[in-house]
Amino acid sequence: MNRVVLYYFYHQWKGQVTFEALSHPKWSIYGSTGADECFNDEYAALYIAGRTRSISDIEREPIHSCHQDFLRQIKVKANLVVPILMNQQQLWGLLVAHHCESSRFWLSSELELLKDAAQMLAVQLANLA
């Protein structure tokens, strides 16, 4: 994987990349605000319900064209997304892994690792509040 980002919703599904870990600086999207017009209440509800999303190849996955165009723009070929939920019901943000060089099959262990990290982040954020 080339990039892991923390995408924080600062206002009603408008968000920004507030942290990133990179395999190389050329993959940086730090500060990006994302495709806010693509993310709406319907998608938020899915993530609040605990949805995770694994896409091995954005060109072959049946996703909305707005989302696909956004992923192309930030050079994503495959991604893995888990929600960061506060009090199990408030969508604080998303923890996202990107593979930018090629399509990629995500392992269940990678999904579990990302889910665990998102849960630990939620606990830490709750302790700060």
C-alpha atoms as a PDB file:
ATOM      1  CA  MET A   1       0.000   0.000   0.000  1.00  0.00           C
ATOM      2  CA  ASN A   2       1.217   3.467  -0.811  1.00  0.00           C
ATOM      3  CA  ARG A   3      -0.833   5.707   1.422  1.00  0.00           C
ATOM      4  CA  VAL A   4      -2.936   5.558   4.579  1.00  0.00           C
ATOM      5  CA  VAL A   5      -4.992   8.653   5.370  1.00  0.00           C
ATOM      6  CA  LEU A   6      -7.206   9.918   8.129  1.00  0.00           C
ATOM      7  CA  TYR A   7     -10.142  11.758   6.623  1.00  0.00           C
ATOM      8  CA  TYR A   8     -11.929  13.934   9.198  1.00  0.00           C
ATOM      9  CA  PHE A   9     -15.470  15.252   8.687  1.00  0.00           C
ATOM     10  CA  TYR A  10     -15.425  18.823   9.957  1.00  0.00           C
ATOM     11  CA  HIS A  11     -18.981  19.684   8.836  1.00  0.00           C
ATOM     12  CA  GLN A  12     -21.917  17.595   7.531  1.00  0.00           C
ATOM     13  CA  TRP A  13     -19.928  15.213   5.290  1.00  0.00           C
ATOM     14  CA  LYS A  14     -17.382  17.798   4.260  1.00  0.00           C
ATOM     15  CA  GLY A  15     -13.952  16.602   5.199  1.00  0.00           C
ATOM     16  CA  GLN A  16     -10.220  16.871   4.892  1.00  0.00           C
ATOM     17  CA  VAL A  17      -7.158  14.623   5.021  1.00  0.00           C
ATOM     18  CA  THR A  18      -5.645  15.515   8.389  1.00  0.00           C
ATOM     19  CA  PHE A  19      -2.985  12.787   8.593  1.00  0.00           C
ATOM     20  CA  GLU A  20      -1.205  10.524   6.145  1.00  0.00           C
ATOM     21  CA  ALA A  21       1.459   7.831   6.154  1.00  0.00           C
ATOM     22  CA  LEU A  22       3.215   7.372   2.818  1.00  0.00           C
ATOM     23  CA  SER A  23       5.494   4.873   1.100  1.00  0.00           C
ATOM     24  CA  HIS A  24       6.913   7.831  -0.871  1.00  0.00           C
ATOM     25  CA  PRO A  25       6.343  11.616  -0.663  1.00  0.00           C
ATOM     26  CA  LYS A  26       4.990  11.685  -4.233  1.00  0.00           C
ATOM     27  CA  TRP A  27       1.758  10.083  -2.964  1.00  0.00           C
ATOM     28  CA  SER A  28       0.918  12.936  -0.588  1.00  0.00           C
ATOM     29  CA  ILE A  29      -2.638  14.288  -0.560  1.00  0.00           C
ATOM     30  CA  TYR A  30      -2.338  15.918   2.868  1.00  0.00           C
ATOM     31  CA  GLY A  31      -4.901  18.694   3.308  1.00  0.00           C
ATOM     32  CA  SER A  32      -7.088  17.470   0.427  1.00  0.00           C
ATOM     33  CA  THR A  33     -10.746  18.131   0.958  1.00  0.00           C
ATOM     34  CA  GLY A  34     -12.023  15.239  -1.114  1.00  0.00           C
ATOM     35  CA  ALA A  35     -15.046  14.889  -3.329  1.00  0.00           C
ATOM     36  CA  ASP A  36     -17.606  16.152  -0.847  1.00  0.00           C
ATOM     37  CA  GLU A  37     -20.358  16.210  -3.469  1.00  0.00           C
ATOM     38  CA  CYS A  38     -20.008  12.421  -3.762  1.00  0.00           C
ATOM     39  CA  PHE A  39     -20.429  11.701  -0.055  1.00  0.00           C
ATOM     40  CA  ASN A  40     -23.963  12.190   1.249  1.00  0.00           C
ATOM     41  CA  ASP A  41     -26.341  11.074   3.996  1.00  0.00           C
ATOM     42  CA  GLU A  42     -26.894   7.725   2.269  1.00  0.00           C
ATOM     43  CA  TYR A  43     -23.189   6.853   2.331  1.00  0.00           C
ATOM     44  CA  ALA A  44     -22.787   8.230   5.833  1.00  0.00           C
ATOM     45  CA  ALA A  45     -25.605   5.972   7.064  1.00  0.00           C
ATOM     46  CA  LEU A  46     -23.822   2.926   5.636  1.00  0.00           C
ATOM     47  CA  TYR A  47     -20.592   3.791   7.457  1.00  0.00           C
ATOM     48  CA  ILE A  48     -22.459   4.621  10.683  1.00  0.00           C
ATOM     49  CA  ALA A  49     -23.921   1.112  10.435  1.00  0.00           C
ATOM     50  CA  GLY A  50     -20.331  -0.206  10.341  1.00  0.00           C
ATOM     51  CA  ARG A  51     -19.767  -0.602   6.622  1.00  0.00           C
ATOM     52  CA  THR A  52     -16.238  -1.233   5.448  1.00  0.00           C
ATOM     53  CA  ARG A  53     -15.321  -0.994   1.782  1.00  0.00           C
ATOM     54  CA  SER A  54     -12.674  -2.935  -0.084  1.00  0.00           C
ATOM     55  CA  ILE A  55     -12.041  -2.092  -3.733  1.00  0.00           C
ATOM     56  CA  SER A  56      -9.374  -4.119  -5.512  1.00  0.00           C
ATOM     57  CA  ASP A  57      -9.590  -2.243  -8.814  1.00  0.00           C
ATOM     58  CA  ILE A  58     -11.451   1.072  -9.142  1.00  0.00           C
ATOM     59  CA  GLU A  59     -11.802   0.514 -12.901  1.00  0.00           C
ATOM     60  CA  ARG A  60     -13.688  -2.777 -12.461  1.00  0.00           C
ATOM     61  CA  GLU A  61     -15.711  -2.023  -9.336  1.00  0.00           C
ATOM     62  CA  PRO A  62     -19.275  -0.799  -9.900  1.00  0.00           C
ATOM     63  CA  ILE A  63     -18.936   2.535  -8.101  1.00  0.00           C
ATOM     64  CA  HIS A  64     -20.509   5.913  -8.766  1.00  0.00           C
ATOM     65  CA  SER A  65     -18.665   7.822 -11.507  1.00  0.00           C
ATOM     66  CA  CYS A  66     -18.166  10.792  -9.162  1.00  0.00           C
ATOM     67  CA  HIS A  67     -16.309   8.546  -6.717  1.00  0.00           C
ATOM     68  CA  GLN A  68     -14.359   6.830  -9.481  1.00  0.00           C
ATOM     69  CA  ASP A  69     -13.265  10.165 -10.982  1.00  0.00           C
ATOM     70  CA  PHE A  70     -12.157  11.404  -7.567  1.00  0.00           C
ATOM     71  CA  LEU A  71     -10.103   8.253  -6.938  1.00  0.00           C
ATOM     72  CA  ARG A  72      -8.458   8.581 -10.355  1.00  0.00           C
ATOM     73  CA  GLN A  73      -7.617  12.211  -9.600  1.00  0.00           C
ATOM     74  CA  ILE A  74      -5.711  11.245  -6.457  1.00  0.00           C
ATOM     75  CA  LYS A  75      -4.033   8.323  -8.264  1.00  0.00           C
ATOM     76  CA  VAL A  76      -5.838   5.500  -6.440  1.00  0.00           C
ATOM     77  CA  LYS A  77      -6.007   2.079  -8.100  1.00  0.00           C
ATOM     78  CA  ALA A  78      -7.344   0.170  -5.066  1.00  0.00           C
ATOM     79  CA  ASN A  79      -8.605   1.256  -1.669  1.00  0.00           C
ATOM     80  CA  LEU A  80      -9.780   0.023   1.692  1.00  0.00           C
ATOM     81  CA  VAL A  81     -12.073   2.180   3.866  1.00  0.00           C
ATOM     82  CA  VAL A  82     -13.226   1.809   7.478  1.00  0.00           C
ATOM     83  CA  PRO A  83     -15.289   4.234   9.559  1.00  0.00           C
ATOM     84  CA  ILE A  84     -14.110   5.985  12.707  1.00  0.00           C
ATOM     85  CA  LEU A  85     -17.184   6.010  14.922  1.00  0.00           C
ATOM     86  CA  MET A  86     -17.564   8.005  18.112  1.00  0.00           C
ATOM     87  CA  ASN A  87     -19.932   6.422  20.646  1.00  0.00           C
ATOM     88  CA  GLN A  88     -20.772   3.787  18.014  1.00  0.00           C
ATOM     89  CA  GLN A  89     -23.105   6.221  16.215  1.00  0.00           C
ATOM     90  CA  GLN A  90     -21.311   9.410  15.195  1.00  0.00           C
ATOM     91  CA  LEU A  91     -19.199   9.231  12.034  1.00  0.00           C
ATOM     92  CA  TRP A  92     -16.092  11.213  12.946  1.00  0.00           C
ATOM     93  CA  GLY A  93     -14.100  10.265   9.861  1.00  0.00           C
ATOM     94  CA  LEU A  94     -12.679   7.506   7.702  1.00  0.00           C
ATOM     95  CA  LEU A  95      -9.425   5.594   7.864  1.00  0.00           C
ATOM     96  CA  VAL A  96      -8.417   4.784   4.294  1.00  0.00           C
ATOM     97  CA  ALA A  97      -5.632   2.726   2.719  1.00  0.00           C
ATOM     98  CA  HIS A  98      -4.731   3.470  -0.914  1.00  0.00           C
ATOM     99  CA  HIS A  99      -2.731   1.438  -3.353  1.00  0.00           C
ATOM    100  CA  CYS A 100      -1.678   3.765  -6.157  1.00  0.00           C
ATOM    101  CA  GLU A 101       0.623   1.746  -8.375  1.00  0.00           C
ATOM    102  CA  SER A 102      -1.721  -1.041  -9.488  1.00  0.00           C
ATOM    103  CA  SER A 103      -4.872  -2.895  -8.583  1.00  0.00           C
ATOM    104  CA  ARG A 104      -4.529  -4.920  -5.398  1.00  0.00           C
ATOM    105  CA  PHE A 105      -6.384  -7.691  -3.647  1.00  0.00           C
ATOM    106  CA  TRP A 106      -6.829  -6.737   0.008  1.00  0.00           C
ATOM    107  CA  LEU A 107      -6.284  -9.421   2.619  1.00  0.00           C
ATOM    108  CA  SER A 108      -8.792  -9.914   5.417  1.00  0.00           C
ATOM    109  CA  SER A 109      -5.919  -9.375   7.875  1.00  0.00           C
ATOM    110  CA  GLU A 110      -5.338  -5.905   6.366  1.00  0.00           C
ATOM    111  CA  LEU A 111      -9.012  -5.052   6.791  1.00  0.00           C
ATOM    112  CA  GLU A 112      -8.919  -6.250  10.403  1.00  0.00           C
ATOM    113  CA  LEU A 113      -5.785  -4.194  11.063  1.00  0.00           C
ATOM    114  CA  LEU A 114      -7.444  -1.058   9.694  1.00  0.00           C
ATOM    115  CA  LYS A 115     -10.638  -1.745  11.686  1.00  0.00           C
ATOM    116  CA  ASP A 116      -8.615  -2.183  14.884  1.00  0.00           C
ATOM    117  CA  ALA A 117      -6.713   1.044  14.230  1.00  0.00           C
ATOM    118  CA  ALA A 118      -9.965   2.946  13.601  1.00  0.00           C
ATOM    119  CA  GLN A 119     -11.425   1.603  16.837  1.00  0.00           C
ATOM    120  CA  MET A 120      -8.310   2.632  18.793  1.00  0.00           C
ATOM    121  CA  LEU A 121      -8.490   6.100  17.242  1.00  0.00           C
ATOM    122  CA  ALA A 122     -12.140   6.412  18.268  1.00  0.00           C
ATOM    123  CA  VAL A 123     -11.277   5.472  21.868  1.00  0.00           C
ATOM    124  CA  GLN A 124      -8.437   7.991  21.971  1.00  0.00           C
ATOM    125  CA  LEU A 125     -10.620  10.739  20.482  1.00  0.00           C
ATOM    126  CA  ALA A 126     -13.344   9.996  23.040  1.00  0.00           C
ATOM    127  CA  ASN A 127     -10.774  10.326  25.832  1.00  0.00           C
ATOM    128  CA  LEU A 128      -9.802  13.762  24.527  1.00  0.00           C
ATOM    129  CA  ALA A 129     -13.383  15.015  24.474  1.00  0.00           C
END
